Amino acid sequence: MTTLSFDESGVDVVYQGTEFRLEKALIEEAVGKEYRDTTDHEVLQMVEKNPDLNGEPRRVDDILR
C-alpha cells in the first residue's frame, strides 16, 4: 500500500516501505499543471505503475483545506 501525505510544498510518500518526498515543482512539471489543481490519483500514478484508483480523485487544493 502507498501512503501520500500532502502539504503546501509537496508530498511525503511511503511506497513499499520506502519513504521519499515529491516536491511541488517536480509534480507540476510531471503533470503539466499547478500543484493545487493536481489530484491525488495523478500523484499516485507517478509513484505506482498500475495503482488501484478507488473513489473519486481529490484535488490537492481540497485536501489542504
C-alpha atoms as a PDB file:
ATOM      1  CA  MET A   1       0.000   0.000   0.000  1.00  0.00           C
ATOM      2  CA  THR A   2       1.184   3.504  -0.832  1.00  0.00           C
ATOM      3  CA  THR A   3       0.679   6.387   1.589  1.00  0.00           C
ATOM      4  CA  LEU A   4       0.581  10.004   0.384  1.00  0.00           C
ATOM      5  CA  SER A   5       0.825  12.925   2.846  1.00  0.00           C
ATOM      6  CA  PHE A   6       0.223  16.289   1.182  1.00  0.00           C
ATOM      7  CA  ASP A   7       1.420  19.704   2.383  1.00  0.00           C
ATOM      8  CA  GLU A   8       1.934  23.129   0.792  1.00  0.00           C
ATOM      9  CA  SER A   9       5.315  22.277  -0.736  1.00  0.00           C
ATOM     10  CA  GLY A  10       4.882  18.687  -1.892  1.00  0.00           C
ATOM     11  CA  VAL A  11       4.043  15.126  -0.915  1.00  0.00           C
ATOM     12  CA  ASP A  12       5.664  12.704   1.506  1.00  0.00           C
ATOM     13  CA  VAL A  13       5.343   9.200   0.069  1.00  0.00           C
ATOM     14  CA  VAL A  14       5.716   5.744   1.587  1.00  0.00           C
ATOM     15  CA  TYR A  15       5.899   3.148  -1.194  1.00  0.00           C
ATOM     16  CA  GLN A  16       6.735  -0.490  -0.483  1.00  0.00           C
ATOM     17  CA  GLY A  17       8.374   0.517   2.798  1.00  0.00           C
ATOM     18  CA  THR A  18      10.490   3.266   1.225  1.00  0.00           C
ATOM     19  CA  GLU A  19       9.905   6.873   2.272  1.00  0.00           C
ATOM     20  CA  PHE A  20      10.633   9.769  -0.083  1.00  0.00           C
ATOM     21  CA  ARG A  21       9.447  13.249  -0.983  1.00  0.00           C
ATOM     22  CA  LEU A  22       7.937  14.587  -4.213  1.00  0.00           C
ATOM     23  CA  GLU A  23       8.465  18.335  -4.346  1.00  0.00           C
ATOM     24  CA  LYS A  24       5.768  20.643  -5.670  1.00  0.00           C
ATOM     25  CA  ALA A  25       7.870  21.718  -8.703  1.00  0.00           C
ATOM     26  CA  LEU A  26       8.519  18.099  -9.723  1.00  0.00           C
ATOM     27  CA  ILE A  27       4.811  17.264  -9.528  1.00  0.00           C
ATOM     28  CA  GLU A  28       3.852  20.355 -11.550  1.00  0.00           C
ATOM     29  CA  GLU A  29       6.410  19.504 -14.233  1.00  0.00           C
ATOM     30  CA  ALA A  30       5.351  15.859 -14.446  1.00  0.00           C
ATOM     31  CA  VAL A  31       1.600  16.517 -14.511  1.00  0.00           C
ATOM     32  CA  GLY A  32       1.689  19.745 -16.514  1.00  0.00           C
ATOM     33  CA  LYS A  33      -0.497  21.847 -14.237  1.00  0.00           C
ATOM     34  CA  GLU A  34      -0.453  23.761 -10.970  1.00  0.00           C
ATOM     35  CA  TYR A  35       0.180  21.682  -7.834  1.00  0.00           C
ATOM     36  CA  ARG A  36      -3.128  22.673  -6.205  1.00  0.00           C
ATOM     37  CA  ASP A  37      -5.052  21.582  -9.330  1.00  0.00           C
ATOM     38  CA  THR A  38      -3.350  18.163  -9.371  1.00  0.00           C
ATOM     39  CA  THR A  39      -5.321  15.212  -7.989  1.00  0.00           C
ATOM     40  CA  ASP A  40      -4.263  12.542  -5.535  1.00  0.00           C
ATOM     41  CA  HIS A  41      -4.825   9.976  -8.308  1.00  0.00           C
ATOM     42  CA  GLU A  42      -2.345  11.784 -10.580  1.00  0.00           C
ATOM     43  CA  VAL A  43       0.295  11.800  -7.839  1.00  0.00           C
ATOM     44  CA  LEU A  44      -0.343   8.123  -7.101  1.00  0.00           C
ATOM     45  CA  GLN A  45       0.145   7.340 -10.793  1.00  0.00           C
ATOM     46  CA  MET A  46       3.570   8.998 -10.594  1.00  0.00           C
ATOM     47  CA  VAL A  47       4.560   6.564  -7.846  1.00  0.00           C
ATOM     48  CA  GLU A  48       2.907   3.273  -8.844  1.00  0.00           C
ATOM     49  CA  LYS A  49       2.858   1.630 -12.257  1.00  0.00           C
ATOM     50  CA  ASN A  50      -0.744   0.335 -12.064  1.00  0.00           C
ATOM     51  CA  PRO A  51      -2.325   1.860  -8.945  1.00  0.00           C
ATOM     52  CA  ASP A  52      -5.727   0.871  -7.593  1.00  0.00           C
ATOM     53  CA  LEU A  53      -7.613   4.152  -8.078  1.00  0.00           C
ATOM     54  CA  ASN A  54     -10.557   3.730  -5.722  1.00  0.00           C
ATOM     55  CA  GLY A  55     -13.047   6.539  -5.175  1.00  0.00           C
ATOM     56  CA  GLU A  56     -13.219   9.963  -6.703  1.00  0.00           C
ATOM     57  CA  PRO A  57      -9.963  11.843  -7.344  1.00  0.00           C
ATOM     58  CA  ARG A  58      -9.387  14.722  -4.929  1.00  0.00           C
ATOM     59  CA  ARG A  59      -7.631  17.962  -5.856  1.00  0.00           C
ATOM     60  CA  VAL A  60      -4.623  18.894  -3.703  1.00  0.00           C
ATOM     61  CA  ASP A  61      -6.340  22.234  -3.013  1.00  0.00           C
ATOM     62  CA  ASP A  62      -9.286  20.397  -1.440  1.00  0.00           C
ATOM     63  CA  ILE A  63      -7.007  18.064   0.547  1.00  0.00           C
ATOM     64  CA  LEU A  64      -5.085  21.009   2.045  1.00  0.00           C
ATOM     65  CA  ARG A  65      -8.214  22.850   3.190  1.00  0.00           C
END
